Amino acid sequence: MYNINMVINFKYTLKEDFRILFRVYKNPRDYTELRSVIWNPFVMLSFILSRENMLKDIRNNWANCETDVSKAFNDLKLSIKTPITCYVTSVGPEGMFDPDRNAIHARYFQSGGWKEFLETIVHESVHLAVYNEKTYKYEHGEKMVDEILETSTMKKVLNQRANVVTESTNHI
């Protein structure tokens, strides 16, 4: 039996925000086809000013979801190393994963609310769980992750937990 506890340490650092922004500007073709990318560096300013309240709300909201998400990962036999570091960003794509650092990046939501943010956290965490350095190909990985997120187990958790919000969670 799997016994995963989805411990995630949420952090915001200006360095990570600039790293993502630089990556997007350096490789624009990699991001122009994506559904949602924030390119404007001025978004960072308001984000920096509200980061403490934003991180507090994210941590509180995650605390309300962690047990159910952990159970879904266990039920689906997804093995993942924890704790995961989640770098919360203000720019770039909705999310990315970094297996070398056991980290994910999740852009704080602009209009999709906690539901979009939670889906990004889970999506990128599933990437970490299915990642195999020797065989991983982006398109195949996305397909695997999408199939897992479409299971009734994962859909149920995401739909139930998406509406559990402790605060306004809209600080920018």
Protein backbone atom coordinates (compact mmCIF):
# COMPACT_ATOMS: atom_id res chain seq x y z
CA MET A 1 0.00 0.00 0.00
CA TYR A 2 1.16 3.49 -0.79
CA ASN A 3 1.33 5.97 2.03
CA ILE A 4 2.08 9.36 0.55
CA ASN A 5 1.47 12.55 2.45
CA MET A 6 1.49 15.44 -0.04
CA VAL A 7 3.59 17.86 1.97
CA ILE A 8 4.24 20.97 -0.09
CA ASN A 9 6.35 23.91 1.03
CA PHE A 10 5.04 27.04 -0.69
CA LYS A 11 7.60 29.77 -1.33
CA TYR A 12 7.89 32.98 -3.25
CA THR A 13 11.28 34.31 -4.27
CA LEU A 14 12.00 37.15 -6.63
CA LYS A 15 14.85 35.06 -8.01
CA GLU A 16 12.47 32.28 -9.12
CA ASP A 17 10.04 34.80 -10.60
CA PHE A 18 12.84 36.36 -12.66
CA ARG A 19 14.11 32.91 -13.66
CA ILE A 20 10.68 32.07 -15.10
CA LEU A 21 10.32 35.47 -16.78
CA PHE A 22 13.78 35.15 -18.32
CA ARG A 23 12.99 31.64 -19.54
CA VAL A 24 9.77 32.81 -21.19
CA TYR A 25 11.45 35.76 -22.92
CA LYS A 26 14.48 33.68 -23.94
CA ASN A 27 12.34 30.92 -25.52
CA PRO A 28 9.08 32.60 -26.60
CA ARG A 29 8.22 29.87 -29.12
CA ASP A 30 7.96 27.37 -26.26
CA TYR A 31 5.21 29.44 -24.66
CA THR A 32 3.21 31.14 -27.43
CA GLU A 33 1.01 28.08 -27.98
CA LEU A 34 0.14 27.66 -24.32
CA ARG A 35 -3.34 28.55 -23.13
CA SER A 36 -2.27 31.00 -20.47
CA VAL A 37 1.04 32.81 -20.09
CA ILE A 38 1.66 36.06 -18.21
CA TRP A 39 4.41 38.03 -19.97
CA ASN A 40 4.14 41.38 -18.16
CA PRO A 41 6.96 41.90 -15.63
CA PHE A 42 5.02 44.73 -13.93
CA VAL A 43 2.67 42.11 -12.45
CA MET A 44 5.60 41.24 -10.17
CA LEU A 45 5.42 44.54 -8.33
CA SER A 46 1.90 44.11 -6.96
CA PHE A 47 2.69 40.47 -6.33
CA ILE A 48 5.74 41.32 -4.20
CA LEU A 49 3.68 43.74 -2.11
CA SER A 50 1.00 41.14 -1.31
CA ARG A 51 3.13 37.99 -1.10
CA GLU A 52 2.87 37.40 2.68
CA ASN A 53 -0.94 37.40 2.73
CA MET A 54 -1.04 35.45 -0.51
CA LEU A 55 1.27 32.73 0.83
CA LYS A 56 -0.69 32.53 4.08
CA ASP A 57 -3.93 31.98 2.17
CA ILE A 58 -2.32 29.40 -0.13
CA ARG A 59 -0.96 27.45 2.84
CA ASN A 60 -4.34 27.55 4.61
CA ASN A 61 -6.19 26.45 1.48
CA TRP A 62 -3.69 23.66 0.82
CA ALA A 63 -4.07 22.44 4.42
CA ASN A 64 -7.78 21.92 3.65
CA CYS A 65 -6.93 19.87 0.54
CA GLU A 66 -3.76 18.01 1.44
CA THR A 67 -5.39 14.91 2.97
CA ASP A 68 -7.77 14.35 0.05
CA VAL A 69 -5.07 14.93 -2.59
CA SER A 70 -2.75 12.55 -0.69
CA LYS A 71 -5.49 9.92 -0.63
CA ALA A 72 -6.04 10.30 -4.39
CA PHE A 73 -2.30 9.86 -5.06
CA ASN A 74 -2.31 6.76 -2.82
CA ASP A 75 -5.45 5.32 -4.43
CA LEU A 76 -3.91 5.80 -7.89
CA LYS A 77 -0.60 4.29 -6.69
CA LEU A 78 1.35 7.40 -7.61
CA SER A 79 4.69 7.48 -5.86
CA ILE A 80 6.22 10.87 -5.20
CA LYS A 81 9.06 12.13 -3.05
CA THR A 82 7.97 14.68 -0.45
CA PRO A 83 8.20 17.36 0.64
CA ILE A 84 7.77 19.16 -2.65
CA THR A 85 8.81 22.78 -2.95
CA CYS A 86 6.23 24.85 -4.78
CA TYR A 87 7.59 28.14 -6.06
CA VAL A 88 4.64 30.45 -6.43
CA THR A 89 5.21 32.79 -9.35
CA SER A 90 3.48 35.83 -10.79
CA VAL A 91 4.55 35.43 -14.43
CA GLY A 92 5.04 32.70 -17.00
CA PRO A 93 2.92 29.65 -17.70
CA GLU A 94 0.43 28.22 -15.20
CA GLY A 95 2.93 25.64 -14.02
CA MET A 96 6.18 23.76 -14.52
CA PHE A 97 7.93 20.90 -12.80
CA ASP A 98 11.59 20.49 -11.94
CA PRO A 99 12.50 16.89 -11.07
CA ASP A 100 16.13 17.81 -10.31
CA ARG A 101 14.99 19.93 -7.36
CA ASN A 102 11.80 18.00 -6.57
CA ALA A 103 10.00 21.27 -7.15
CA ILE A 104 7.06 22.65 -9.02
CA HIS A 105 6.24 26.19 -10.10
CA ALA A 106 2.65 27.35 -9.97
CA ARG A 107 1.62 30.78 -11.14
CA TYR A 108 -0.68 32.49 -8.70
CA PHE A 109 -4.02 32.75 -10.37
CA GLN A 110 -5.21 35.76 -12.28
CA SER A 111 -8.80 34.80 -13.03
CA GLY A 112 -9.16 31.05 -12.51
CA GLY A 113 -9.28 31.23 -8.72
CA TRP A 114 -8.23 28.59 -6.25
CA LYS A 115 -9.61 25.85 -8.52
CA GLU A 116 -7.13 26.69 -11.29
CA PHE A 117 -4.27 27.02 -8.83
CA LEU A 118 -5.08 23.69 -7.14
CA GLU A 119 -5.34 21.97 -10.53
CA THR A 120 -1.92 23.37 -11.45
CA ILE A 121 -0.36 22.12 -8.21
CA VAL A 122 -1.83 18.66 -8.71
CA HIS A 123 -0.98 18.61 -12.44
CA GLU A 124 2.68 19.46 -11.83
CA SER A 125 2.88 17.05 -8.88
CA VAL A 126 1.60 14.23 -11.11
CA HIS A 127 4.38 15.13 -13.57
CA LEU A 128 6.89 14.60 -10.75
CA ALA A 129 5.27 11.25 -9.93
CA VAL A 130 5.39 9.89 -13.49
CA TYR A 131 8.71 11.41 -14.51
CA ASN A 132 11.40 8.98 -15.59
CA GLU A 133 14.64 10.66 -16.62
CA LYS A 134 15.52 8.00 -19.18
CA THR A 135 12.20 7.73 -20.99
CA TYR A 136 10.34 11.00 -20.39
CA LYS A 137 9.12 12.89 -23.45
CA TYR A 138 7.04 16.04 -23.00
CA GLU A 139 4.08 15.06 -25.19
CA HIS A 140 3.86 11.58 -23.69
CA GLY A 141 4.18 13.01 -20.17
CA GLU A 142 1.34 15.48 -20.79
CA LYS A 143 -0.84 12.67 -22.11
CA MET A 144 -0.13 10.50 -19.05
CA VAL A 145 -0.83 13.37 -16.67
CA ASP A 146 -4.07 14.27 -18.47
CA GLU A 147 -5.24 10.64 -18.29
CA ILE A 148 -4.55 10.53 -14.54
CA LEU A 149 -6.33 13.84 -13.97
CA GLU A 150 -9.35 12.49 -15.87
CA THR A 151 -9.77 9.51 -13.54
CA SER A 152 -12.86 9.63 -11.37
CA THR A 153 -10.65 9.57 -8.26
CA MET A 154 -8.74 12.70 -9.22
CA LYS A 155 -11.72 14.54 -10.72
CA LYS A 156 -13.70 14.00 -7.53
CA VAL A 157 -10.94 15.47 -5.35
CA LEU A 158 -10.33 18.44 -7.64
CA ASN A 159 -14.03 19.25 -7.91
CA GLN A 160 -14.70 18.91 -4.17
CA ARG A 161 -11.61 20.74 -3.00
CA ALA A 162 -11.61 23.50 -5.58
CA ASN A 163 -14.33 25.38 -3.73
CA VAL A 164 -12.76 25.14 -0.27
CA VAL A 165 -11.24 28.56 0.26
CA THR A 166 -10.28 30.07 3.61
CA GLU A 167 -9.88 33.67 2.48
CA SER A 168 -10.42 35.78 -0.61
CA THR A 169 -7.14 34.47 -2.06
CA ASN A 170 -7.12 37.28 -4.56
CA HIS A 171 -4.42 39.68 -3.44
CA ILE A 172 -3.18 40.99 -6.77
